N, C-alpha and C. Protein backbone atom coordinates (compact mmCIF):
# COMPACT_ATOMS: atom_id res chain seq x y z
N MET A 1 73.51 4.34 34.98
CA MET A 1 75.09 4.12 34.82
C MET A 1 75.36 2.68 35.52
N THR A 2 74.96 2.73 36.92
CA THR A 2 75.38 1.92 37.67
C THR A 2 74.72 0.08 36.44
N PHE A 3 73.82 0.55 36.39
CA PHE A 3 73.39 -0.99 35.63
C PHE A 3 73.89 -1.12 34.55
N LEU A 4 74.58 -0.12 33.69
CA LEU A 4 75.05 -0.59 32.59
C LEU A 4 76.63 -1.19 32.62
N VAL A 5 77.27 -0.44 34.22
CA VAL A 5 78.38 -1.46 34.39
C VAL A 5 78.31 -2.76 35.15
N LEU A 6 77.39 -3.04 35.35
CA LEU A 6 77.09 -3.95 35.92
C LEU A 6 76.51 -5.06 34.98
N CYS A 7 76.52 -4.74 34.15
CA CYS A 7 75.95 -5.78 32.73
C CYS A 7 77.37 -5.98 32.28
N ALA A 8 78.47 -4.90 32.16
CA ALA A 8 79.64 -5.09 31.36
C ALA A 8 79.90 -6.12 31.79
N VAL A 9 80.14 -5.87 33.61
CA VAL A 9 81.01 -7.20 33.96
C VAL A 9 80.59 -8.37 34.14
N SER A 10 79.19 -8.55 34.28
CA SER A 10 78.29 -9.75 34.06
C SER A 10 78.55 -10.31 32.60
N LEU A 11 78.73 -9.83 31.40
CA LEU A 11 79.03 -10.49 30.34
C LEU A 11 80.17 -10.69 29.93
N ALA A 12 81.36 -9.77 30.73
CA ALA A 12 82.68 -10.17 30.75
C ALA A 12 82.86 -11.36 30.87
N GLY A 13 82.49 -11.85 32.19
CA GLY A 13 82.65 -13.27 32.59
C GLY A 13 81.99 -14.31 31.43
N CYS A 14 81.72 -14.24 30.59
CA CYS A 14 81.19 -15.48 29.67
C CYS A 14 81.92 -15.90 28.61
N GLY A 15 83.27 -15.44 28.71
CA GLY A 15 84.31 -15.79 27.54
C GLY A 15 84.56 -17.59 27.74
N GLU A 16 85.37 -17.85 27.14
CA GLU A 16 86.22 -19.45 27.55
C GLU A 16 86.35 -19.28 28.94
N ARG A 17 85.85 -20.99 29.45
CA ARG A 17 86.55 -20.77 30.48
C ARG A 17 87.91 -21.33 30.37
N HIS A 18 88.91 -20.77 31.06
CA HIS A 18 90.46 -21.65 31.10
C HIS A 18 90.40 -22.16 32.39
N ASP A 19 89.94 -23.21 32.93
CA ASP A 19 90.08 -24.00 34.03
C ASP A 19 91.03 -25.12 34.02
N ALA A 20 91.83 -25.65 34.94
CA ALA A 20 92.76 -26.88 34.83
C ALA A 20 91.87 -28.05 34.58
N ARG A 21 90.56 -28.01 35.12
CA ARG A 21 89.65 -29.30 35.06
C ARG A 21 89.01 -29.59 33.58
N PRO A 22 88.74 -30.91 33.77
CA PRO A 22 87.82 -31.14 32.51
C PRO A 22 86.55 -30.02 32.42
N PRO A 23 86.18 -30.06 31.50
CA PRO A 23 84.76 -29.42 31.13
C PRO A 23 83.76 -30.25 32.00
N ALA A 24 83.42 -31.01 31.83
CA ALA A 24 82.65 -32.11 32.79
C ALA A 24 82.79 -31.55 33.97
N ALA A 25 84.11 -31.79 34.60
CA ALA A 25 83.94 -31.46 36.36
C ALA A 25 83.43 -29.89 36.51
N ALA A 26 83.96 -29.03 35.71
CA ALA A 26 84.10 -27.57 35.58
C ALA A 26 82.36 -27.28 35.76
N ALA A 27 81.62 -28.16 34.95
CA ALA A 27 80.27 -27.86 34.84
C ALA A 27 79.63 -28.15 36.13
N ALA A 28 80.53 -29.81 36.79
CA ALA A 28 79.53 -29.98 37.80
C ALA A 28 80.25 -29.11 39.15
N ALA A 29 81.06 -28.63 39.28
CA ALA A 29 81.57 -27.80 40.23
C ALA A 29 81.13 -26.32 40.39
N SER A 30 80.70 -25.60 39.16
CA SER A 30 79.81 -24.53 39.18
C SER A 30 78.81 -24.50 38.23
N PRO A 31 77.62 -25.14 38.43
CA PRO A 31 76.48 -25.20 37.24
C PRO A 31 75.78 -23.59 37.18
N ALA A 32 75.95 -22.80 37.74
CA ALA A 32 75.56 -21.30 38.00
C ALA A 32 76.27 -21.14 36.57
N VAL A 33 77.86 -20.78 36.09
CA VAL A 33 78.32 -20.39 35.17
C VAL A 33 78.38 -21.38 34.08
N ALA A 34 77.49 -22.52 33.94
CA ALA A 34 77.55 -23.36 32.90
C ALA A 34 77.43 -22.74 31.73
N GLN A 35 76.47 -22.02 31.67
CA GLN A 35 75.86 -21.28 30.41
C GLN A 35 76.06 -20.01 30.50
N CYS A 36 76.53 -19.35 29.68
CA CYS A 36 76.24 -17.58 29.53
C CYS A 36 74.90 -17.43 29.16
N PRO A 37 74.47 -16.20 30.05
CA PRO A 37 72.48 -15.71 29.33
C PRO A 37 72.99 -14.91 28.38
N GLU A 38 72.15 -14.88 27.78
CA GLU A 38 71.83 -14.13 26.25
C GLU A 38 72.19 -12.46 26.54
N PRO A 39 72.85 -11.74 25.78
CA PRO A 39 73.00 -10.19 26.30
C PRO A 39 72.17 -9.59 26.53
N VAL A 40 72.33 -8.73 27.53
CA VAL A 40 71.06 -8.24 28.02
C VAL A 40 71.28 -6.73 26.98
N VAL A 41 70.10 -6.15 26.59
CA VAL A 41 69.71 -5.03 26.08
C VAL A 41 69.73 -3.89 27.08
N ALA A 42 70.11 -2.90 26.79
CA ALA A 42 70.57 -1.93 27.95
C ALA A 42 69.48 -0.74 27.75
N ALA A 43 68.60 -1.28 29.23
CA ALA A 43 67.44 -0.18 29.43
C ALA A 43 67.83 1.15 30.32
N ALA A 44 66.91 1.96 30.27
CA ALA A 44 67.06 2.84 30.86
C ALA A 44 66.99 2.52 32.51
N ALA A 45 68.27 3.05 33.20
CA ALA A 45 68.02 2.66 34.72
C ALA A 45 66.52 3.17 35.21
N PRO A 46 66.14 2.19 36.90
CA PRO A 46 64.96 2.79 37.06
C PRO A 46 65.14 3.84 38.14
N PRO A 47 64.27 4.71 37.86
CA PRO A 47 64.44 5.93 38.85
C PRO A 47 64.71 5.42 40.33
N ALA A 48 65.19 6.58 40.67
CA ALA A 48 65.62 6.28 42.19
C ALA A 48 64.72 6.50 42.60
N SER A 49 64.56 5.98 44.11
CA SER A 49 62.84 6.06 44.81
C SER A 49 62.80 7.48 45.23
N PRO A 50 61.78 7.51 45.54
CA PRO A 50 61.05 9.40 45.87
C PRO A 50 61.47 9.24 47.35
N PRO A 51 61.85 10.76 47.49
CA PRO A 51 61.98 10.67 48.62
C PRO A 51 60.32 10.06 49.52
N ALA A 52 60.52 10.25 51.02
CA ALA A 52 59.68 9.65 51.56
C ALA A 52 58.57 10.39 51.55
N ALA A 53 58.57 11.73 51.77
CA ALA A 53 57.37 12.78 51.62
C ALA A 53 56.79 12.66 50.95
N ALA A 54 57.43 12.39 49.38
CA ALA A 54 56.57 12.56 48.14
C ALA A 54 55.63 11.03 48.32
N VAL A 55 56.14 9.99 48.73
CA VAL A 55 55.39 8.80 48.79
C VAL A 55 54.04 8.83 49.57
N THR A 56 54.21 9.84 50.97
CA THR A 56 53.25 10.04 51.88
C THR A 56 52.10 11.16 51.13
N ALA A 57 52.58 12.19 50.31
CA ALA A 57 51.66 12.78 49.56
C ALA A 57 50.62 12.13 48.51
N ALA A 58 51.65 10.98 47.77
CA ALA A 58 51.03 10.53 47.07
C ALA A 58 49.76 9.54 47.32
N ALA A 59 50.43 8.65 48.46
CA ALA A 59 49.11 7.60 49.35
C ALA A 59 48.26 8.85 50.06
N PRO A 60 46.51 8.21 49.79
CA PRO A 60 45.51 8.48 50.53
C PRO A 60 45.74 8.58 51.64
N ALA A 61 44.52 9.06 52.73
CA ALA A 61 44.93 9.19 54.11
C ALA A 61 44.08 8.02 54.57
N PRO A 62 44.92 7.14 55.52
CA PRO A 62 43.86 6.17 56.08
C PRO A 62 42.52 5.93 55.94
N ASP A 63 41.92 7.11 56.75
CA ASP A 63 40.96 7.31 56.76
C ASP A 63 40.04 7.96 55.69
N ALA A 64 40.22 8.69 54.84
CA ALA A 64 39.84 9.10 53.46
C ALA A 64 39.77 7.65 52.76
N SER A 65 40.63 6.40 52.27
CA SER A 65 40.49 5.56 51.66
C SER A 65 39.38 4.49 52.42
N ALA A 66 39.17 4.29 53.59
CA ALA A 66 38.44 3.86 54.69
C ALA A 66 37.13 4.01 53.89
N ALA A 67 36.82 5.44 54.21
CA ALA A 67 35.71 6.19 54.03
C ALA A 67 35.25 5.76 52.21
N ALA A 68 35.82 6.35 51.46
CA ALA A 68 35.70 6.03 50.28
C ALA A 68 34.87 4.29 50.23
N GLY A 69 35.57 3.33 50.81
CA GLY A 69 35.62 2.54 50.13
C GLY A 69 34.50 1.71 50.70
N LYS A 70 33.64 2.17 51.97
CA LYS A 70 32.64 2.24 52.09
C LYS A 70 31.64 2.77 51.06
N GLY A 71 30.25 2.24 50.85
CA GLY A 71 29.32 2.70 50.25
C GLY A 71 27.97 2.58 50.94
N GLY A 72 28.15 1.70 51.80
CA GLY A 72 26.60 1.73 53.06
C GLY A 72 26.76 2.68 53.48
N LYS A 73 26.09 3.03 54.81
CA LYS A 73 25.40 3.74 55.73
C LYS A 73 27.16 4.60 56.23
N ALA A 74 27.67 3.20 56.52
CA ALA A 74 29.25 3.74 57.52
C ALA A 74 29.87 4.35 56.80
N GLY A 75 29.80 4.68 54.85
CA GLY A 75 30.43 5.74 54.56
C GLY A 75 29.77 6.70 54.47
N ARG A 76 28.61 7.09 54.69
CA ARG A 76 27.66 8.09 54.73
C ARG A 76 27.74 8.79 56.31
N GLU A 77 28.37 8.60 56.94
CA GLU A 77 28.29 9.57 58.42
C GLU A 77 28.89 10.26 57.79
N LYS A 78 28.62 11.46 58.96
CA LYS A 78 29.01 13.36 59.10
C LYS A 78 30.63 12.81 58.71
N GLY A 79 31.00 14.28 58.45
CA GLY A 79 32.23 14.11 57.75
C GLY A 79 33.42 13.15 56.90
N SER A 80 32.68 12.49 56.50
CA SER A 80 33.37 11.23 55.23
C SER A 80 32.39 11.20 53.92
N GLY A 81 31.31 12.69 53.99
CA GLY A 81 31.42 13.26 52.25
C GLY A 81 30.28 12.61 52.08
N ALA A 82 28.96 13.12 52.73
CA ALA A 82 27.65 12.63 52.67
C ALA A 82 27.09 12.34 51.40
N ALA A 83 25.90 11.96 50.97
CA ALA A 83 25.80 11.61 49.62
C ALA A 83 24.62 13.07 49.54
N GLU A 84 24.54 13.67 48.57
CA GLU A 84 24.17 15.24 48.14
C GLU A 84 23.02 15.15 46.98
N LEU A 85 21.96 14.67 47.27
CA LEU A 85 20.98 14.19 46.75
C LEU A 85 19.60 15.22 46.06
N LYS A 86 19.57 15.31 44.77
CA LYS A 86 18.82 16.19 44.00
C LYS A 86 17.95 15.20 43.07
N VAL A 87 16.37 15.15 42.81
CA VAL A 87 15.50 14.53 42.33
C VAL A 87 15.32 15.71 40.82
N LYS A 88 15.88 15.12 39.64
CA LYS A 88 16.03 15.92 38.49
C LYS A 88 14.89 15.81 37.81
N ARG A 89 14.25 14.38 37.88
CA ARG A 89 13.33 14.07 36.96
C ARG A 89 12.33 12.44 37.89
N LEU A 90 11.03 12.75 38.39
CA LEU A 90 10.26 12.28 38.54
C LEU A 90 9.04 11.88 37.47
N VAL A 91 8.98 10.75 36.86
CA VAL A 91 8.13 10.27 35.60
C VAL A 91 7.30 9.04 36.18
N LEU A 92 6.13 9.25 35.89
CA LEU A 92 5.18 7.77 36.59
C LEU A 92 4.85 7.36 34.92
N ALA A 93 5.35 5.68 35.21
CA ALA A 93 4.48 5.11 33.76
C ALA A 93 4.50 3.77 33.98
N GLU A 94 3.98 2.87 32.96
CA GLU A 94 3.88 1.41 32.78
C GLU A 94 4.84 0.73 32.64
N GLY A 95 6.00 1.07 32.64
CA GLY A 95 7.12 0.59 32.47
C GLY A 95 8.22 1.27 31.91
N VAL A 96 9.54 0.63 32.06
CA VAL A 96 10.85 0.95 31.92
C VAL A 96 11.39 -0.41 30.97
N LYS A 97 12.13 0.41 30.06
CA LYS A 97 12.73 -0.65 29.32
C LYS A 97 14.19 0.87 28.77
N ASP A 98 15.32 -0.14 28.32
CA ASP A 98 16.54 0.61 28.46
C ASP A 98 17.01 1.75 29.25
N ARG A 99 16.33 1.75 30.62
CA ARG A 99 16.22 3.09 31.86
C ARG A 99 15.98 4.20 31.13
N GLU A 100 15.09 3.75 30.42
CA GLU A 100 13.82 5.13 30.43
C GLU A 100 12.50 4.48 30.70
N PRO A 101 11.65 5.48 30.86
CA PRO A 101 9.96 5.67 31.40
C PRO A 101 9.37 4.67 29.60
N VAL A 102 8.36 4.50 30.14
CA VAL A 102 7.84 3.35 28.86
C VAL A 102 6.22 3.67 29.36
N ALA A 103 5.82 4.09 28.28
CA ALA A 103 3.83 4.66 28.31
C ALA A 103 3.87 5.66 29.42
N PRO A 104 4.65 6.90 30.16
CA PRO A 104 4.41 7.90 30.96
C PRO A 104 3.49 8.28 30.78
N GLY A 105 2.63 8.78 32.20
CA GLY A 105 1.42 9.67 32.10
C GLY A 105 1.09 10.12 33.46
N THR A 106 -0.21 10.78 33.74
CA THR A 106 -0.51 11.38 34.62
C THR A 106 -2.46 10.91 35.47
N THR A 107 -2.44 9.42 34.19
CA THR A 107 -3.53 9.14 34.81
C THR A 107 -3.42 7.39 34.07
N PHE A 108 -3.83 6.38 34.87
CA PHE A 108 -3.67 5.15 34.67
C PHE A 108 -4.97 4.40 35.19
N ARG A 109 -5.29 3.08 34.49
CA ARG A 109 -6.43 2.64 34.48
C ARG A 109 -6.20 1.61 35.24
N ALA A 110 -6.69 1.14 36.14
CA ALA A 110 -6.36 0.18 37.11
C ALA A 110 -6.14 -1.39 36.69
N PRO A 111 -7.46 -1.61 36.06
CA PRO A 111 -7.41 -3.01 35.17
C PRO A 111 -6.37 -3.27 34.22
N GLU A 112 -6.19 -2.15 33.65
CA GLU A 112 -4.78 -2.38 32.79
C GLU A 112 -3.81 -2.38 32.95
N THR A 113 -3.54 -1.95 34.05
CA THR A 113 -1.87 -1.39 34.81
C THR A 113 -1.66 -2.22 35.44
N GLU A 114 -0.73 -3.39 35.35
CA GLU A 114 -0.39 -3.92 36.25
C GLU A 114 0.68 -3.94 37.26
N ARG A 115 1.75 -3.21 36.89
CA ARG A 115 2.43 -2.20 37.50
C ARG A 115 2.57 -1.23 37.37
N LEU A 116 2.84 -0.02 38.18
CA LEU A 116 2.92 1.41 38.45
C LEU A 116 4.34 1.41 38.57
N TYR A 117 5.14 2.61 37.77
CA TYR A 117 6.76 2.29 37.90
C TYR A 117 6.70 3.97 37.90
N ALA A 118 7.48 4.37 39.37
CA ALA A 118 8.22 5.89 39.23
C ALA A 118 9.38 5.74 39.38
N PHE A 119 9.72 6.46 38.23
CA PHE A 119 11.12 6.45 37.42
C PHE A 119 11.49 7.63 38.01
N LEU A 120 13.05 7.70 38.31
CA LEU A 120 13.26 8.77 38.90
C LEU A 120 14.97 9.07 38.32
N GLU A 121 15.14 10.40 37.95
CA GLU A 121 16.71 10.72 37.54
C GLU A 121 16.97 11.57 38.89
N ILE A 122 18.40 10.98 39.26
CA ILE A 122 18.83 12.05 40.40
C ILE A 122 20.36 12.19 39.99
N GLU A 123 20.46 13.33 40.80
CA GLU A 123 21.82 13.80 41.21
C GLU A 123 22.50 13.66 42.35
N ASN A 124 23.79 12.95 42.29
CA ASN A 124 24.57 12.91 43.84
C ASN A 124 25.68 13.51 43.58
N ARG A 125 25.52 14.82 43.87
CA ARG A 125 26.95 15.48 44.14
C ARG A 125 27.80 15.18 45.14
N GLY A 126 27.69 14.57 45.94
CA GLY A 126 28.35 14.14 47.14
C GLY A 126 29.54 12.64 46.63
N ASP A 127 30.35 12.53 47.15
CA ASP A 127 31.19 11.18 47.35
C ASP A 127 30.68 9.78 47.37
N ALA A 128 29.95 10.10 48.40
CA ALA A 128 29.25 8.89 48.58
C ALA A 128 28.12 8.29 48.45
N GLU A 129 27.81 7.08 48.74
CA GLU A 129 26.26 6.31 47.93
C GLU A 129 25.23 7.02 48.94
N GLY A 130 23.85 6.89 48.22
CA GLY A 130 22.84 7.51 49.23
C GLY A 130 21.60 6.76 49.07
N GLU A 131 20.58 6.83 49.67
CA GLU A 131 19.42 6.22 49.43
C GLU A 131 18.32 6.85 49.64
N VAL A 132 17.02 6.71 48.58
CA VAL A 132 15.63 7.62 48.71
C VAL A 132 14.61 6.37 48.62
N THR A 133 13.51 6.54 49.37
CA THR A 133 12.34 6.04 49.44
C THR A 133 11.49 6.40 48.74
N VAL A 134 10.42 5.51 47.82
CA VAL A 134 9.31 5.77 46.94
C VAL A 134 7.98 5.35 47.88
N ALA A 135 7.45 6.29 47.89
CA ALA A 135 6.24 5.72 48.84
C ALA A 135 4.53 6.46 47.48
N PHE A 136 3.82 5.54 47.56
CA PHE A 136 2.87 6.11 46.38
C PHE A 136 1.30 6.08 47.71
N VAL A 137 1.12 7.29 47.87
CA VAL A 137 0.14 7.71 48.87
C VAL A 137 -1.44 7.83 48.01
N PRO A 138 -2.34 6.91 48.82
CA PRO A 138 -3.50 6.57 48.09
C PRO A 138 -4.67 8.25 48.51
N PRO A 139 -5.38 8.03 47.59
CA PRO A 139 -6.32 9.38 47.47
C PRO A 139 -6.76 9.38 48.92
N ASP A 140 -7.38 8.49 50.11
CA ASP A 140 -8.12 8.75 51.01
C ASP A 140 -6.46 9.22 52.32
N GLY A 141 -5.90 9.38 51.82
CA GLY A 141 -4.82 9.70 53.22
C GLY A 141 -4.09 9.02 53.95
N GLY A 142 -4.63 7.40 53.31
CA GLY A 142 -3.96 6.54 53.92
C GLY A 142 -2.89 5.79 54.50
N ALA A 143 -2.37 4.81 54.40
CA ALA A 143 -1.16 4.16 54.48
C ALA A 143 -0.59 3.97 53.19
N PRO A 144 0.92 4.60 53.40
CA PRO A 144 0.94 4.62 51.52
C PRO A 144 1.63 2.90 51.02
N VAL A 145 1.55 3.13 49.78
CA VAL A 145 1.87 1.64 49.44
C VAL A 145 3.37 1.60 48.92
N GLY A 146 4.00 0.60 48.67
CA GLY A 146 5.49 0.51 48.24
C GLY A 146 6.29 0.67 49.02
N ASN A 147 6.52 2.09 49.54
CA ASN A 147 7.49 2.12 50.48
C ASN A 147 9.16 1.46 49.59
N VAL A 148 9.30 1.81 48.58
CA VAL A 148 10.43 0.90 48.29
C VAL A 148 11.74 1.75 48.17
N THR A 149 12.99 1.04 48.76
CA THR A 149 14.24 2.03 49.21
C THR A 149 14.82 1.71 47.97
N LEU A 150 15.90 2.72 47.41
CA LEU A 150 16.88 2.25 46.57
C LEU A 150 17.61 3.00 46.03
N GLY A 151 18.87 2.49 46.20
CA GLY A 151 20.55 3.05 46.46
C GLY A 151 20.64 4.07 45.12
N VAL A 152 21.22 5.00 45.43
CA VAL A 152 21.82 5.99 44.72
C VAL A 152 23.10 6.27 45.00
N GLY A 153 23.97 6.03 44.02
CA GLY A 153 25.52 5.77 43.42
C GLY A 153 25.95 7.47 43.49
N PRO A 154 27.27 8.01 43.65
CA PRO A 154 27.88 9.22 43.25
C PRO A 154 27.90 9.63 41.80
N SER A 155 26.96 10.21 41.28
CA SER A 155 27.14 10.66 39.85
C SER A 155 25.65 11.54 39.89
N PRO A 156 26.50 12.37 38.33
CA PRO A 156 25.93 13.24 38.03
C PRO A 156 24.05 12.86 37.75
N ARG A 157 24.09 11.49 37.08
CA ARG A 157 23.21 11.39 36.58
C ARG A 157 22.63 9.71 37.18
N TRP A 158 21.72 9.56 38.28
CA TRP A 158 21.89 8.23 38.31
C TRP A 158 20.13 7.97 38.48
N ARG A 159 20.09 7.15 37.19
CA ARG A 159 18.58 6.32 36.81
C ARG A 159 18.19 5.24 37.89
N THR A 160 17.35 5.03 38.52
CA THR A 160 16.71 4.33 39.44
C THR A 160 15.26 4.45 38.84
N TRP A 161 14.34 3.17 39.26
CA TRP A 161 13.02 2.88 39.76
C TRP A 161 12.48 2.15 40.66
N ALA A 162 11.20 2.16 41.06
CA ALA A 162 10.77 1.46 41.78
C ALA A 162 9.27 1.35 41.32
N PHE A 163 8.16 0.22 41.70
CA PHE A 163 7.13 -0.08 41.31
C PHE A 163 6.36 -0.98 42.17
N THR A 164 4.94 -0.70 41.59
CA THR A 164 3.73 -0.98 43.00
C THR A 164 2.67 -1.98 42.22
N ARG A 165 2.26 -3.13 42.80
CA ARG A 165 1.09 -3.54 42.23
C ARG A 165 -0.16 -3.27 43.11
N GLY A 166 0.14 -2.15 44.14
CA GLY A 166 -1.00 -1.97 44.82
C GLY A 166 -1.94 -0.82 44.72
N VAL A 167 -1.71 -0.07 43.54
CA VAL A 167 -2.22 1.00 42.99
C VAL A 167 -3.25 0.55 42.03
N ARG A 168 -4.77 0.29 43.13
CA ARG A 168 -5.96 -0.41 42.59
C ARG A 168 -7.10 0.67 43.26
N LYS A 169 -7.00 1.41 43.86
CA LYS A 169 -8.59 2.56 44.26
C LYS A 169 -8.39 3.48 43.38
N ALA A 170 -9.41 3.67 42.96
CA ALA A 170 -9.75 4.79 41.92
C ALA A 170 -9.70 6.27 42.60
N GLY A 171 -9.29 7.08 42.30
CA GLY A 171 -8.69 8.78 42.90
C GLY A 171 -7.48 9.21 42.40
N GLU A 172 -7.21 10.41 43.30
CA GLU A 172 -5.94 11.05 43.11
C GLU A 172 -4.82 10.62 44.05
N TRP A 173 -3.48 10.14 43.00
CA TRP A 173 -2.71 9.28 44.41
C TRP A 173 -1.78 9.94 44.02
N THR A 174 -0.39 10.26 44.92
CA THR A 174 0.94 11.05 44.81
C THR A 174 1.95 10.19 45.22
N ALA A 175 2.68 10.33 43.95
CA ALA A 175 4.03 9.50 44.47
C ALA A 175 5.10 10.26 45.06
N VAL A 176 5.53 9.97 46.13
CA VAL A 176 6.51 11.04 47.19
C VAL A 176 7.49 10.19 47.32
N VAL A 177 8.86 10.95 47.17
CA VAL A 177 10.16 10.59 47.22
C VAL A 177 10.95 11.27 48.07
N ARG A 178 11.50 10.55 49.22
CA ARG A 178 12.22 11.03 50.49
C ARG A 178 13.76 10.18 50.75
N SER A 179 14.38 11.43 50.82
CA SER A 179 15.62 10.73 51.71
C SER A 179 15.90 10.00 52.75
N GLU A 180 17.22 9.57 53.15
CA GLU A 180 17.36 8.71 53.97
C GLU A 180 16.66 9.49 55.53
N THR A 181 17.07 10.80 55.72
CA THR A 181 16.63 11.33 56.10
C THR A 181 15.16 11.64 57.01
N GLY A 182 13.82 11.49 55.85
CA GLY A 182 12.82 11.96 55.64
C GLY A 182 12.67 13.01 54.94
N GLU A 183 13.70 13.53 54.52
CA GLU A 183 13.24 15.14 53.55
C GLU A 183 12.57 14.42 52.20
N GLU A 184 11.68 15.45 52.21
CA GLU A 184 11.06 15.38 50.65
C GLU A 184 11.61 15.91 49.42
N LEU A 185 12.20 15.31 48.81
CA LEU A 185 12.75 15.07 47.46
C LEU A 185 12.15 15.63 46.56
N ALA A 186 10.71 15.01 46.65
CA ALA A 186 9.94 15.15 45.27
C ALA A 186 8.35 14.84 45.55
N ARG A 187 7.57 15.38 44.70
CA ARG A 187 6.55 14.60 44.56
C ARG A 187 5.99 14.45 43.25
N ALA A 188 4.96 13.87 42.61
CA ALA A 188 4.15 13.65 41.49
C ALA A 188 2.81 13.33 41.67
N PRO A 189 1.44 13.72 41.46
CA PRO A 189 0.24 13.49 41.34
C PRO A 189 0.21 12.44 40.51
N PHE A 190 -0.90 11.77 40.49
CA PHE A 190 -1.28 10.85 39.49
C PHE A 190 -2.82 10.59 39.64
N GLU A 191 -3.90 9.88 38.86
CA GLU A 191 -5.14 9.52 38.66
C GLU A 191 -4.94 8.14 38.40
N VAL A 192 -5.97 7.22 38.94
CA VAL A 192 -6.24 6.19 38.85
C VAL A 192 -7.73 6.18 38.72
N THR A 193 -8.24 5.42 37.50
CA THR A 193 -9.79 5.42 37.00
C THR A 193 -9.88 3.91 36.89
N LEU A 194 -10.76 3.58 37.07
CA LEU A 194 -11.28 2.01 36.97
C LEU A 194 -12.09 1.93 35.38
C-alpha cells in the first residue's frame, strides 16, 4: 500500500511547471525534475522482511556449510559426515567405454592385454567424498602392482576405474579394493596366461 501511495505522489509532481522563471532557467536550477519518468506500473509490494528467527533457521550453520564445502580429507573427518562406501560391482576388463567395462572377463592373455582395468561401481551413502585404493596382487603373493587411489563422490552410483600395465606374470591374480582406512571392500580373482 505504501508503494502505491509513493508512486501516486511522485507522479502527481509530473504535471506542468508553473515557475516564474523561464523554462531554461528552471531546467538549469533543478535538472532532476526536467523530465517526468514514465508511469510506473503498480506491482505487488515486496514482502516485509522475515523475522530474525526465520532467517537464522533458513541459513545453514557455519560449521555445516564449511564441512559440506570441503571435499577432501578435511571434510571427511569424524563428525562431518564421513563417506559410507560399498562396492556394488567390481569387473575386470580390457577397456572402459562410455563408463562401462569393455571385454570383461576372468582370464586375460598377457601379450594381448596392454592394460587391465578394474572397473568399480560404488555406492556412497555419506555426504562427503571418499577414496578407495585398487591393487593387483600377483600369484606369488609378492608386492601388489597398481595401488591406484580413486576419489568417490557422494552418490548412490559412482562409477570409476583403475588400470595397470604391470600384470605380465602368468598365474592367479587378485584385484583388491580397500577404503582409506585399509578395510577391504571387494576382491576379484583373475587369471593371466601367456
